Amino acid sequence: MKFLFSLLIFLSDSLNSVFENQTSEKILLEKGMDGSPINAHKYEAATMKKALALIFLLLFPISAFSQNDGEEISIGKYRAVPSKVLSENRRILVHLPLGYESTKLNYPVVYHLYGDYVMTYFVEAVFVLDRLHSANKMPQVILIGVDNTDRCRDLRPIGCDGSPGGIENFIRYFKEELMVLVQLTVVI
């Protein structure tokens, strides 16, 4: 998997350098919506990079590089976390970095709200964090996705209907229960 991301980054950087080395006469300047100039050639290069990446992924499925026949594909594990502060069980999704099981390294933790949107927000967060690590922009991290059961209650000081919100309790849950549980159960 790391090979695939490295190859995509290499191809992307190579394509970018080809476009940047074009003569300045071929670079067209246009006006953007705010009146500022847009480098149309760089925009075209970015579009070409996306198209190349898509073609590459379609021709060479990710599973061909990293999975064997019959192996499971997983980005994390669900856990039910009982909360006395919230008076409910809160489901979390835990994504561990590649090689986590075979090391005793300390990892930073990123907490992600809307953990219940697995196929959109959570998968995107896993991809972005892995890409940033592959580009040496950040260390590997543990990602904790927290299900959002009542957004108006948990994430606002005033509920959607004007009633008092529960953000203070949600913050207490994070500090006193969730973060403590994560520190006790995973190497961070």
N, C-alpha and C. Protein backbone atom coordinates (compact mmCIF):
# COMPACT_ATOMS: atom_id res chain seq x y z
N MET A 1 0.83 -1.18 0.00
CA MET A 1 0.00 0.00 0.00
C MET A 1 0.88 1.26 0.00
N LYS A 2 1.92 1.24 0.83
CA LYS A 2 2.82 2.38 0.88
C LYS A 2 3.51 2.57 -0.48
N PHE A 3 3.81 1.46 -1.14
CA PHE A 3 4.42 1.52 -2.47
C PHE A 3 3.49 2.25 -3.44
N LEU A 4 2.20 1.94 -3.38
CA LEU A 4 1.23 2.55 -4.28
C LEU A 4 1.18 4.06 -4.05
N PHE A 5 1.09 4.49 -2.78
CA PHE A 5 1.05 5.91 -2.49
C PHE A 5 2.35 6.59 -2.93
N SER A 6 3.47 5.95 -2.69
CA SER A 6 4.75 6.53 -3.10
C SER A 6 4.83 6.67 -4.62
N LEU A 7 4.33 5.65 -5.34
CA LEU A 7 4.33 5.70 -6.79
C LEU A 7 3.43 6.82 -7.31
N LEU A 8 2.25 6.97 -6.69
CA LEU A 8 1.34 8.04 -7.10
C LEU A 8 1.95 9.42 -6.85
N ILE A 9 2.61 9.58 -5.70
CA ILE A 9 3.26 10.85 -5.39
C ILE A 9 4.38 11.12 -6.40
N PHE A 10 5.17 10.08 -6.73
CA PHE A 10 6.25 10.24 -7.70
C PHE A 10 5.70 10.64 -9.06
N LEU A 11 4.65 9.95 -9.52
CA LEU A 11 4.05 10.27 -10.82
C LEU A 11 3.46 11.67 -10.82
N SER A 12 2.83 12.04 -9.73
CA SER A 12 2.25 13.37 -9.61
C SER A 12 3.33 14.44 -9.66
N ASP A 13 4.42 14.25 -8.91
CA ASP A 13 5.52 15.22 -8.91
C ASP A 13 6.20 15.28 -10.27
N SER A 14 6.35 14.14 -10.93
CA SER A 14 6.98 14.12 -12.26
C SER A 14 6.15 14.88 -13.27
N LEU A 15 4.84 14.65 -13.25
CA LEU A 15 3.96 15.35 -14.17
C LEU A 15 3.97 16.85 -13.89
N ASN A 16 3.98 17.21 -12.62
CA ASN A 16 4.02 18.62 -12.25
C ASN A 16 5.29 19.28 -12.77
N SER A 17 6.44 18.61 -12.66
CA SER A 17 7.69 19.22 -13.12
C SER A 17 7.71 19.38 -14.64
N VAL A 18 7.06 18.48 -15.36
CA VAL A 18 6.97 18.62 -16.82
C VAL A 18 6.20 19.88 -17.17
N PHE A 19 5.07 20.10 -16.50
CA PHE A 19 4.27 21.28 -16.80
C PHE A 19 4.94 22.56 -16.34
N GLU A 20 5.65 22.54 -15.22
CA GLU A 20 6.31 23.74 -14.73
C GLU A 20 7.49 24.14 -15.61
N ASN A 21 8.08 23.19 -16.33
CA ASN A 21 9.23 23.49 -17.18
C ASN A 21 8.83 24.01 -18.57
N GLN A 22 7.53 24.16 -18.84
CA GLN A 22 7.09 24.71 -20.12
C GLN A 22 7.54 26.17 -20.21
N THR A 23 7.69 26.66 -21.42
CA THR A 23 8.11 28.06 -21.59
C THR A 23 7.02 29.00 -21.12
N SER A 24 7.42 30.18 -20.69
CA SER A 24 6.46 31.13 -20.13
C SER A 24 5.47 31.64 -21.17
N GLU A 25 5.81 31.56 -22.47
CA GLU A 25 4.86 32.01 -23.49
C GLU A 25 3.62 31.13 -23.52
N LYS A 26 3.73 29.88 -23.09
CA LYS A 26 2.60 28.98 -23.16
C LYS A 26 1.71 29.08 -21.93
N ILE A 27 2.14 29.84 -20.92
CA ILE A 27 1.33 29.98 -19.72
C ILE A 27 0.32 31.10 -19.94
N LEU A 28 -0.94 30.75 -19.84
CA LEU A 28 -2.01 31.71 -20.07
C LEU A 28 -2.53 32.22 -18.73
N LEU A 29 -2.68 33.50 -18.59
CA LEU A 29 -3.23 34.06 -17.38
C LEU A 29 -4.67 34.48 -17.63
N GLU A 30 -5.56 34.05 -16.76
CA GLU A 30 -6.95 34.42 -16.86
C GLU A 30 -7.36 35.02 -15.53
N LYS A 31 -8.53 35.61 -15.48
CA LYS A 31 -9.04 36.21 -14.24
C LYS A 31 -9.93 35.21 -13.53
N GLY A 32 -9.73 35.11 -12.21
CA GLY A 32 -10.58 34.26 -11.39
C GLY A 32 -11.84 35.01 -10.98
N MET A 33 -12.69 34.38 -10.19
CA MET A 33 -13.94 35.00 -9.76
C MET A 33 -13.69 36.25 -8.92
N ASP A 34 -12.59 36.29 -8.18
CA ASP A 34 -12.29 37.44 -7.35
C ASP A 34 -11.44 38.48 -8.08
N GLY A 35 -11.18 38.28 -9.37
CA GLY A 35 -10.41 39.22 -10.15
C GLY A 35 -8.92 38.96 -10.15
N SER A 36 -8.45 38.02 -9.32
CA SER A 36 -7.02 37.72 -9.27
C SER A 36 -6.65 36.81 -10.44
N PRO A 37 -5.38 36.89 -10.90
CA PRO A 37 -4.98 36.05 -12.03
C PRO A 37 -4.92 34.58 -11.66
N ILE A 38 -5.28 33.74 -12.61
CA ILE A 38 -5.19 32.29 -12.44
C ILE A 38 -4.18 31.78 -13.44
N ASN A 39 -3.31 30.95 -12.99
CA ASN A 39 -2.36 30.34 -13.89
C ASN A 39 -3.06 29.13 -14.52
N ALA A 40 -3.56 29.30 -15.72
CA ALA A 40 -4.34 28.25 -16.37
C ALA A 40 -3.52 27.00 -16.61
N HIS A 41 -2.22 27.17 -16.83
CA HIS A 41 -1.37 26.01 -17.10
C HIS A 41 -1.23 25.14 -15.84
N LYS A 42 -1.09 25.78 -14.67
CA LYS A 42 -0.99 25.00 -13.43
C LYS A 42 -2.32 24.32 -13.11
N TYR A 43 -3.44 25.00 -13.43
CA TYR A 43 -4.74 24.39 -13.24
C TYR A 43 -4.86 23.15 -14.11
N GLU A 44 -4.40 23.26 -15.35
CA GLU A 44 -4.43 22.13 -16.28
C GLU A 44 -3.54 21.00 -15.77
N ALA A 45 -2.38 21.35 -15.20
CA ALA A 45 -1.47 20.33 -14.66
C ALA A 45 -2.12 19.59 -13.51
N ALA A 46 -2.82 20.32 -12.62
CA ALA A 46 -3.50 19.67 -11.50
C ALA A 46 -4.59 18.74 -12.00
N THR A 47 -5.32 19.15 -13.01
CA THR A 47 -6.36 18.30 -13.59
C THR A 47 -5.74 17.05 -14.22
N MET A 48 -4.62 17.21 -14.90
CA MET A 48 -3.94 16.07 -15.51
C MET A 48 -3.44 15.10 -14.44
N LYS A 49 -2.93 15.63 -13.33
CA LYS A 49 -2.45 14.76 -12.26
C LYS A 49 -3.59 13.92 -11.69
N LYS A 50 -4.76 14.55 -11.49
CA LYS A 50 -5.90 13.81 -10.98
C LYS A 50 -6.33 12.74 -11.97
N ALA A 51 -6.35 13.08 -13.25
CA ALA A 51 -6.74 12.11 -14.27
C ALA A 51 -5.76 10.94 -14.32
N LEU A 52 -4.46 11.24 -14.22
CA LEU A 52 -3.45 10.19 -14.24
C LEU A 52 -3.60 9.27 -13.03
N ALA A 53 -3.84 9.86 -11.87
CA ALA A 53 -4.01 9.05 -10.67
C ALA A 53 -5.24 8.15 -10.80
N LEU A 54 -6.33 8.68 -11.33
CA LEU A 54 -7.54 7.88 -11.52
C LEU A 54 -7.30 6.75 -12.50
N ILE A 55 -6.66 7.03 -13.61
CA ILE A 55 -6.35 5.99 -14.60
C ILE A 55 -5.47 4.91 -13.98
N PHE A 56 -4.46 5.34 -13.22
CA PHE A 56 -3.55 4.39 -12.58
C PHE A 56 -4.31 3.48 -11.62
N LEU A 57 -5.20 4.07 -10.81
CA LEU A 57 -5.97 3.27 -9.86
C LEU A 57 -6.93 2.31 -10.56
N LEU A 58 -7.49 2.74 -11.68
CA LEU A 58 -8.39 1.85 -12.41
C LEU A 58 -7.64 0.70 -13.07
N LEU A 59 -6.43 0.95 -13.55
CA LEU A 59 -5.65 -0.09 -14.21
C LEU A 59 -4.99 -1.04 -13.23
N PHE A 60 -4.62 -0.52 -12.05
CA PHE A 60 -3.92 -1.32 -11.05
C PHE A 60 -4.66 -1.21 -9.72
N PRO A 61 -5.61 -2.10 -9.48
CA PRO A 61 -6.37 -2.03 -8.22
C PRO A 61 -5.45 -2.10 -7.00
N ILE A 62 -5.82 -1.36 -5.98
CA ILE A 62 -5.03 -1.33 -4.74
C ILE A 62 -4.88 -2.74 -4.16
N SER A 63 -5.93 -3.52 -4.24
CA SER A 63 -5.88 -4.86 -3.65
C SER A 63 -4.80 -5.73 -4.29
N ALA A 64 -4.43 -5.45 -5.52
CA ALA A 64 -3.40 -6.25 -6.18
C ALA A 64 -2.04 -6.05 -5.53
N PHE A 65 -1.82 -4.91 -4.89
CA PHE A 65 -0.53 -4.62 -4.26
C PHE A 65 -0.44 -5.11 -2.82
N SER A 66 -1.58 -5.13 -2.09
CA SER A 66 -1.46 -5.33 -0.66
C SER A 66 -2.25 -6.50 -0.10
N GLN A 67 -3.17 -7.07 -0.81
CA GLN A 67 -4.01 -8.12 -0.26
C GLN A 67 -3.76 -9.45 -0.96
N ASN A 68 -3.90 -10.49 -0.19
CA ASN A 68 -3.86 -11.84 -0.73
C ASN A 68 -5.29 -12.36 -0.81
N ASP A 69 -5.52 -13.36 -1.63
CA ASP A 69 -6.84 -13.92 -1.81
C ASP A 69 -7.40 -14.36 -0.46
N GLY A 70 -8.59 -13.90 -0.14
CA GLY A 70 -9.26 -14.30 1.09
C GLY A 70 -8.94 -13.43 2.30
N GLU A 71 -7.98 -12.52 2.20
CA GLU A 71 -7.66 -11.66 3.33
C GLU A 71 -8.76 -10.63 3.53
N GLU A 72 -8.99 -10.29 4.80
CA GLU A 72 -9.97 -9.26 5.11
C GLU A 72 -9.37 -7.88 4.89
N ILE A 73 -10.23 -6.94 4.56
CA ILE A 73 -9.82 -5.55 4.42
C ILE A 73 -10.47 -4.79 5.57
N SER A 74 -9.67 -4.04 6.30
CA SER A 74 -10.19 -3.35 7.47
C SER A 74 -9.49 -2.02 7.66
N ILE A 75 -10.25 -1.01 8.07
CA ILE A 75 -9.62 0.26 8.40
C ILE A 75 -9.74 0.57 9.88
N GLY A 76 -10.38 -0.31 10.63
CA GLY A 76 -10.50 -0.05 12.06
C GLY A 76 -11.42 -1.03 12.74
N LYS A 77 -11.63 -0.78 14.04
CA LYS A 77 -12.52 -1.62 14.85
C LYS A 77 -13.48 -0.73 15.62
N TYR A 78 -14.72 -1.20 15.72
CA TYR A 78 -15.71 -0.51 16.52
C TYR A 78 -15.56 -0.91 17.98
N ARG A 79 -15.81 0.04 18.87
CA ARG A 79 -15.86 -0.23 20.30
C ARG A 79 -17.05 0.53 20.88
N ALA A 80 -17.75 -0.08 21.81
CA ALA A 80 -18.82 0.61 22.53
C ALA A 80 -18.24 1.12 23.83
N VAL A 81 -18.35 2.40 24.06
CA VAL A 81 -17.78 3.03 25.24
C VAL A 81 -18.91 3.52 26.13
N PRO A 82 -19.11 2.87 27.29
CA PRO A 82 -20.16 3.36 28.20
C PRO A 82 -19.74 4.70 28.80
N SER A 83 -20.70 5.62 28.87
CA SER A 83 -20.42 6.95 29.40
C SER A 83 -21.36 7.27 30.55
N LYS A 84 -20.79 7.53 31.71
CA LYS A 84 -21.59 7.98 32.85
C LYS A 84 -21.97 9.45 32.67
N VAL A 85 -21.06 10.23 32.08
CA VAL A 85 -21.31 11.65 31.88
C VAL A 85 -22.48 11.87 30.92
N LEU A 86 -22.53 11.12 29.82
CA LEU A 86 -23.58 11.27 28.83
C LEU A 86 -24.79 10.36 29.09
N SER A 87 -24.64 9.44 30.03
CA SER A 87 -25.69 8.47 30.37
C SER A 87 -26.11 7.65 29.15
N GLU A 88 -25.13 7.20 28.38
CA GLU A 88 -25.38 6.38 27.20
C GLU A 88 -24.09 5.69 26.78
N ASN A 89 -24.23 4.67 25.93
CA ASN A 89 -23.06 4.08 25.30
C ASN A 89 -22.76 4.88 24.04
N ARG A 90 -21.49 5.18 23.85
CA ARG A 90 -21.08 5.92 22.66
C ARG A 90 -20.17 5.02 21.86
N ARG A 91 -20.47 4.81 20.59
CA ARG A 91 -19.65 3.96 19.73
C ARG A 91 -18.50 4.77 19.15
N ILE A 92 -17.32 4.16 19.16
CA ILE A 92 -16.15 4.79 18.55
C ILE A 92 -15.58 3.82 17.52
N LEU A 93 -14.83 4.38 16.59
CA LEU A 93 -14.13 3.60 15.58
C LEU A 93 -12.65 3.91 15.74
N VAL A 94 -11.84 2.87 15.89
CA VAL A 94 -10.41 3.04 16.14
C VAL A 94 -9.62 2.56 14.93
N HIS A 95 -8.81 3.47 14.37
CA HIS A 95 -7.90 3.12 13.28
C HIS A 95 -6.47 3.20 13.81
N LEU A 96 -5.75 2.08 13.73
CA LEU A 96 -4.37 2.04 14.20
C LEU A 96 -3.42 2.13 13.01
N PRO A 97 -2.26 2.76 13.21
CA PRO A 97 -1.30 2.88 12.10
C PRO A 97 -0.77 1.53 11.65
N LEU A 98 -0.33 1.47 10.41
CA LEU A 98 0.27 0.27 9.85
C LEU A 98 1.47 -0.14 10.70
N GLY A 99 1.53 -1.38 11.12
CA GLY A 99 2.64 -1.88 11.93
C GLY A 99 2.48 -1.63 13.42
N TYR A 100 1.33 -1.12 13.83
CA TYR A 100 1.10 -0.78 15.24
C TYR A 100 1.30 -1.99 16.16
N GLU A 101 0.78 -3.15 15.74
CA GLU A 101 0.84 -4.34 16.59
C GLU A 101 2.26 -4.82 16.85
N SER A 102 3.18 -4.52 15.95
CA SER A 102 4.55 -5.04 16.08
C SER A 102 5.52 -4.02 16.68
N THR A 103 5.00 -2.93 17.23
CA THR A 103 5.90 -1.92 17.78
C THR A 103 5.41 -1.44 19.13
N LYS A 104 6.29 -0.84 19.87
CA LYS A 104 5.94 -0.24 21.16
C LYS A 104 6.11 1.27 21.10
N LEU A 105 6.04 1.84 19.90
CA LEU A 105 6.19 3.28 19.73
C LEU A 105 5.00 4.01 20.34
N ASN A 106 5.23 5.25 20.73
CA ASN A 106 4.14 6.11 21.19
C ASN A 106 3.58 6.87 20.00
N TYR A 107 2.26 6.89 19.88
CA TYR A 107 1.61 7.53 18.75
C TYR A 107 0.72 8.67 19.24
N PRO A 108 0.72 9.79 18.54
CA PRO A 108 -0.27 10.82 18.85
C PRO A 108 -1.65 10.33 18.44
N VAL A 109 -2.67 10.93 19.02
CA VAL A 109 -4.05 10.53 18.74
C VAL A 109 -4.79 11.71 18.12
N VAL A 110 -5.53 11.42 17.05
CA VAL A 110 -6.41 12.41 16.42
C VAL A 110 -7.84 11.94 16.69
N TYR A 111 -8.64 12.84 17.26
CA TYR A 111 -10.05 12.54 17.51
C TYR A 111 -10.89 13.16 16.40
N HIS A 112 -11.81 12.37 15.88
CA HIS A 112 -12.60 12.77 14.72
C HIS A 112 -14.08 12.66 15.05
N LEU A 113 -14.79 13.77 15.01
CA LEU A 113 -16.23 13.72 15.20
C LEU A 113 -16.87 13.16 13.94
N TYR A 114 -18.07 12.74 14.03
CA TYR A 114 -18.79 12.11 12.92
C TYR A 114 -18.15 10.78 12.52
N GLY A 115 -17.72 10.02 13.50
CA GLY A 115 -17.16 8.70 13.24
C GLY A 115 -18.17 7.74 12.66
N ASP A 116 -19.45 8.07 12.78
CA ASP A 116 -20.49 7.20 12.23
C ASP A 116 -20.62 7.34 10.72
N TYR A 117 -19.98 8.35 10.13
CA TYR A 117 -19.97 8.50 8.67
C TYR A 117 -18.70 7.83 8.13
N VAL A 118 -18.67 6.52 8.23
CA VAL A 118 -17.46 5.76 7.92
C VAL A 118 -17.05 5.90 6.47
N MET A 119 -17.97 5.71 5.55
CA MET A 119 -17.62 5.68 4.14
C MET A 119 -17.30 7.06 3.56
N THR A 120 -17.54 8.10 4.31
CA THR A 120 -17.21 9.43 3.81
C THR A 120 -16.12 10.04 4.68
N TYR A 121 -16.51 10.68 5.77
CA TYR A 121 -15.55 11.44 6.57
C TYR A 121 -14.41 10.58 7.14
N PHE A 122 -14.75 9.42 7.70
CA PHE A 122 -13.73 8.62 8.37
C PHE A 122 -12.72 8.04 7.37
N VAL A 123 -13.20 7.48 6.28
CA VAL A 123 -12.30 6.93 5.26
C VAL A 123 -11.41 8.03 4.70
N GLU A 124 -11.99 9.20 4.46
CA GLU A 124 -11.19 10.32 3.95
C GLU A 124 -10.12 10.73 4.96
N ALA A 125 -10.48 10.74 6.24
CA ALA A 125 -9.50 11.10 7.27
C ALA A 125 -8.35 10.09 7.30
N VAL A 126 -8.67 8.80 7.21
CA VAL A 126 -7.64 7.76 7.17
C VAL A 126 -6.71 7.99 5.98
N PHE A 127 -7.29 8.26 4.81
CA PHE A 127 -6.50 8.48 3.60
C PHE A 127 -5.59 9.70 3.75
N VAL A 128 -6.16 10.81 4.21
CA VAL A 128 -5.37 12.05 4.34
C VAL A 128 -4.24 11.87 5.34
N LEU A 129 -4.52 11.26 6.48
CA LEU A 129 -3.47 11.05 7.49
C LEU A 129 -2.37 10.14 6.96
N ASP A 130 -2.75 9.10 6.22
CA ASP A 130 -1.75 8.20 5.65
C ASP A 130 -0.93 8.91 4.59
N ARG A 131 -1.58 9.71 3.79
CA ARG A 131 -0.87 10.46 2.73
C ARG A 131 0.10 11.47 3.34
N LEU A 132 -0.33 12.18 4.38
CA LEU A 132 0.57 13.14 5.04
C LEU A 132 1.76 12.45 5.67
N HIS A 133 1.53 11.27 6.24
CA HIS A 133 2.65 10.51 6.81
C HIS A 133 3.60 10.04 5.70
N SER A 134 3.04 9.54 4.61
CA SER A 134 3.87 9.07 3.49
C SER A 134 4.73 10.18 2.91
N ALA A 135 4.23 11.41 2.97
CA ALA A 135 4.97 12.56 2.45
C ALA A 135 5.87 13.19 3.53
N ASN A 136 6.03 12.50 4.65
CA ASN A 136 6.85 13.00 5.77
C ASN A 136 6.39 14.35 6.29
N LYS A 137 5.09 14.60 6.25
CA LYS A 137 4.52 15.85 6.75
C LYS A 137 4.04 15.71 8.19
N MET A 138 3.84 14.48 8.64
CA MET A 138 3.39 14.25 10.02
C MET A 138 3.70 12.80 10.41
N PRO A 139 3.74 12.52 11.72
CA PRO A 139 4.00 11.14 12.14
C PRO A 139 2.74 10.28 11.95
N GLN A 140 2.92 8.98 12.07
CA GLN A 140 1.75 8.10 12.08
C GLN A 140 0.93 8.42 13.33
N VAL A 141 -0.38 8.28 13.22
CA VAL A 141 -1.26 8.60 14.34
C VAL A 141 -2.31 7.51 14.52
N ILE A 142 -2.90 7.50 15.70
CA ILE A 142 -4.08 6.70 15.96
C ILE A 142 -5.27 7.61 15.71
N LEU A 143 -6.25 7.13 14.95
CA LEU A 143 -7.44 7.92 14.65
C LEU A 143 -8.62 7.33 15.41
N ILE A 144 -9.28 8.17 16.19
CA ILE A 144 -10.46 7.76 16.94
C ILE A 144 -11.66 8.52 16.38
N GLY A 145 -12.59 7.79 15.78
CA GLY A 145 -13.82 8.40 15.27
C GLY A 145 -14.92 8.21 16.29
N VAL A 146 -15.57 9.29 16.67
CA VAL A 146 -16.63 9.24 17.68
C VAL A 146 -17.98 9.41 16.99
N ASP A 147 -18.88 8.45 17.22
CA ASP A 147 -20.22 8.55 16.65
C ASP A 147 -20.92 9.79 17.18
N ASN A 148 -21.70 10.38 16.33
CA ASN A 148 -22.46 11.56 16.68
C ASN A 148 -23.92 11.13 16.84
N THR A 149 -24.40 11.04 18.07
CA THR A 149 -25.77 10.57 18.28
C THR A 149 -26.79 11.69 18.31
N ASP A 150 -26.41 12.86 18.82
CA ASP A 150 -27.32 14.00 18.87
C ASP A 150 -26.50 15.27 18.72
N ARG A 151 -26.31 15.68 17.49
CA ARG A 151 -25.44 16.81 17.17
C ARG A 151 -25.89 18.11 17.86
N CYS A 152 -27.18 18.36 17.85
CA CYS A 152 -27.68 19.59 18.46
C CYS A 152 -27.43 19.61 19.96
N ARG A 153 -27.48 18.48 20.60
CA ARG A 153 -27.24 18.41 22.03
C ARG A 153 -25.74 18.46 22.34
N ASP A 154 -24.95 17.67 21.61
CA ASP A 154 -23.55 17.46 21.99
C ASP A 154 -22.58 18.53 21.50
N LEU A 155 -22.87 19.16 20.40
CA LEU A 155 -21.87 20.03 19.78
C LEU A 155 -22.23 21.51 19.81
N ARG A 156 -23.29 21.85 20.53
CA ARG A 156 -23.72 23.25 20.55
C ARG A 156 -24.03 23.69 21.98
N PRO A 157 -23.73 24.95 22.31
CA PRO A 157 -24.11 25.44 23.63
C PRO A 157 -25.62 25.64 23.76
N ILE A 158 -26.27 25.88 22.62
CA ILE A 158 -27.73 26.01 22.58
C ILE A 158 -28.24 25.01 21.56
N GLY A 159 -29.19 24.17 21.95
CA GLY A 159 -29.72 23.16 21.06
C GLY A 159 -30.42 23.75 19.84
N CYS A 160 -30.70 22.93 18.86
CA CYS A 160 -31.34 23.38 17.61
C CYS A 160 -32.73 23.96 17.88
N ASP A 161 -33.38 23.51 18.94
CA ASP A 161 -34.71 24.01 19.27
C ASP A 161 -34.69 25.16 20.28
N GLY A 162 -33.49 25.66 20.59
CA GLY A 162 -33.36 26.77 21.53
C GLY A 162 -33.15 26.35 22.97
N SER A 163 -33.28 25.05 23.24
CA SER A 163 -33.06 24.57 24.61
C SER A 163 -31.56 24.54 24.91
N PRO A 164 -31.20 24.45 26.19
CA PRO A 164 -29.76 24.39 26.51
C PRO A 164 -29.10 23.18 25.85
N GLY A 165 -27.94 23.39 25.28
CA GLY A 165 -27.19 22.31 24.66
C GLY A 165 -26.40 21.54 25.69
N GLY A 166 -25.72 20.51 25.25
CA GLY A 166 -24.97 19.67 26.16
C GLY A 166 -23.48 19.65 25.87
N ILE A 167 -22.96 20.71 25.27
CA ILE A 167 -21.55 20.70 24.89
C ILE A 167 -20.62 20.54 26.09
N GLU A 168 -21.01 21.10 27.24
CA GLU A 168 -20.17 20.97 28.44
C GLU A 168 -20.02 19.50 28.83
N ASN A 169 -21.13 18.75 28.79
CA ASN A 169 -21.07 17.32 29.10
C ASN A 169 -20.27 16.56 28.05
N PHE A 170 -20.41 16.95 26.80
CA PHE A 170 -19.66 16.27 25.74
C PHE A 170 -18.16 16.50 25.91
N ILE A 171 -17.77 17.71 26.27
CA ILE A 171 -16.36 18.00 26.53
C ILE A 171 -15.87 17.21 27.74
N ARG A 172 -16.70 17.13 28.79
CA ARG A 172 -16.34 16.31 29.97
C ARG A 172 -16.17 14.85 29.57
N TYR A 173 -17.08 14.34 28.72
CA TYR A 173 -16.97 12.96 28.23
C TYR A 173 -15.63 12.75 27.53
N PHE A 174 -15.26 13.69 26.66
CA PHE A 174 -13.98 13.58 25.96
C PHE A 174 -12.81 13.55 26.93
N LYS A 175 -12.77 14.50 27.84
CA LYS A 175 -11.62 14.63 28.75
C LYS A 175 -11.58 13.54 29.81
N GLU A 176 -12.70 13.28 30.46
CA GLU A 176 -12.72 12.40 31.62
C GLU A 176 -12.91 10.92 31.29
N GLU A 177 -13.51 10.62 30.15
CA GLU A 177 -13.79 9.22 29.85
C GLU A 177 -13.09 8.73 28.59
N LEU A 178 -13.35 9.37 27.46
CA LEU A 178 -12.81 8.86 26.20
C LEU A 178 -11.28 8.94 26.14
N MET A 179 -10.73 10.11 26.43
CA MET A 179 -9.27 10.25 26.35
C MET A 179 -8.56 9.37 27.38
N VAL A 180 -9.15 9.20 28.54
CA VAL A 180 -8.57 8.32 29.56
C VAL A 180 -8.60 6.87 29.07
N LEU A 181 -9.73 6.46 28.50
CA LEU A 181 -9.84 5.09 27.97
C LEU A 181 -8.81 4.85 26.88
N VAL A 182 -8.65 5.78 25.97
CA VAL A 182 -7.68 5.63 24.87
C VAL A 182 -6.27 5.53 25.44
N GLN A 183 -5.93 6.35 26.41
CA GLN A 183 -4.59 6.32 27.01
C GLN A 183 -4.33 4.99 27.71
N LEU A 184 -5.35 4.40 28.28
CA LEU A 184 -5.18 3.13 29.01
C LEU A 184 -5.15 1.91 28.11
N THR A 185 -5.80 1.99 26.95
CA THR A 185 -5.94 0.78 26.14
C THR A 185 -5.06 0.73 24.90
N VAL A 186 -4.50 1.86 24.46
CA VAL A 186 -3.60 1.84 23.31
C VAL A 186 -2.32 2.55 23.66
N VAL A 187 -1.25 2.19 22.98
CA VAL A 187 0.04 2.83 23.21
C VAL A 187 0.04 4.16 22.49
N ILE A 188 0.09 5.25 23.27
CA ILE A 188 0.11 6.58 22.67
C ILE A 188 1.28 7.38 23.19
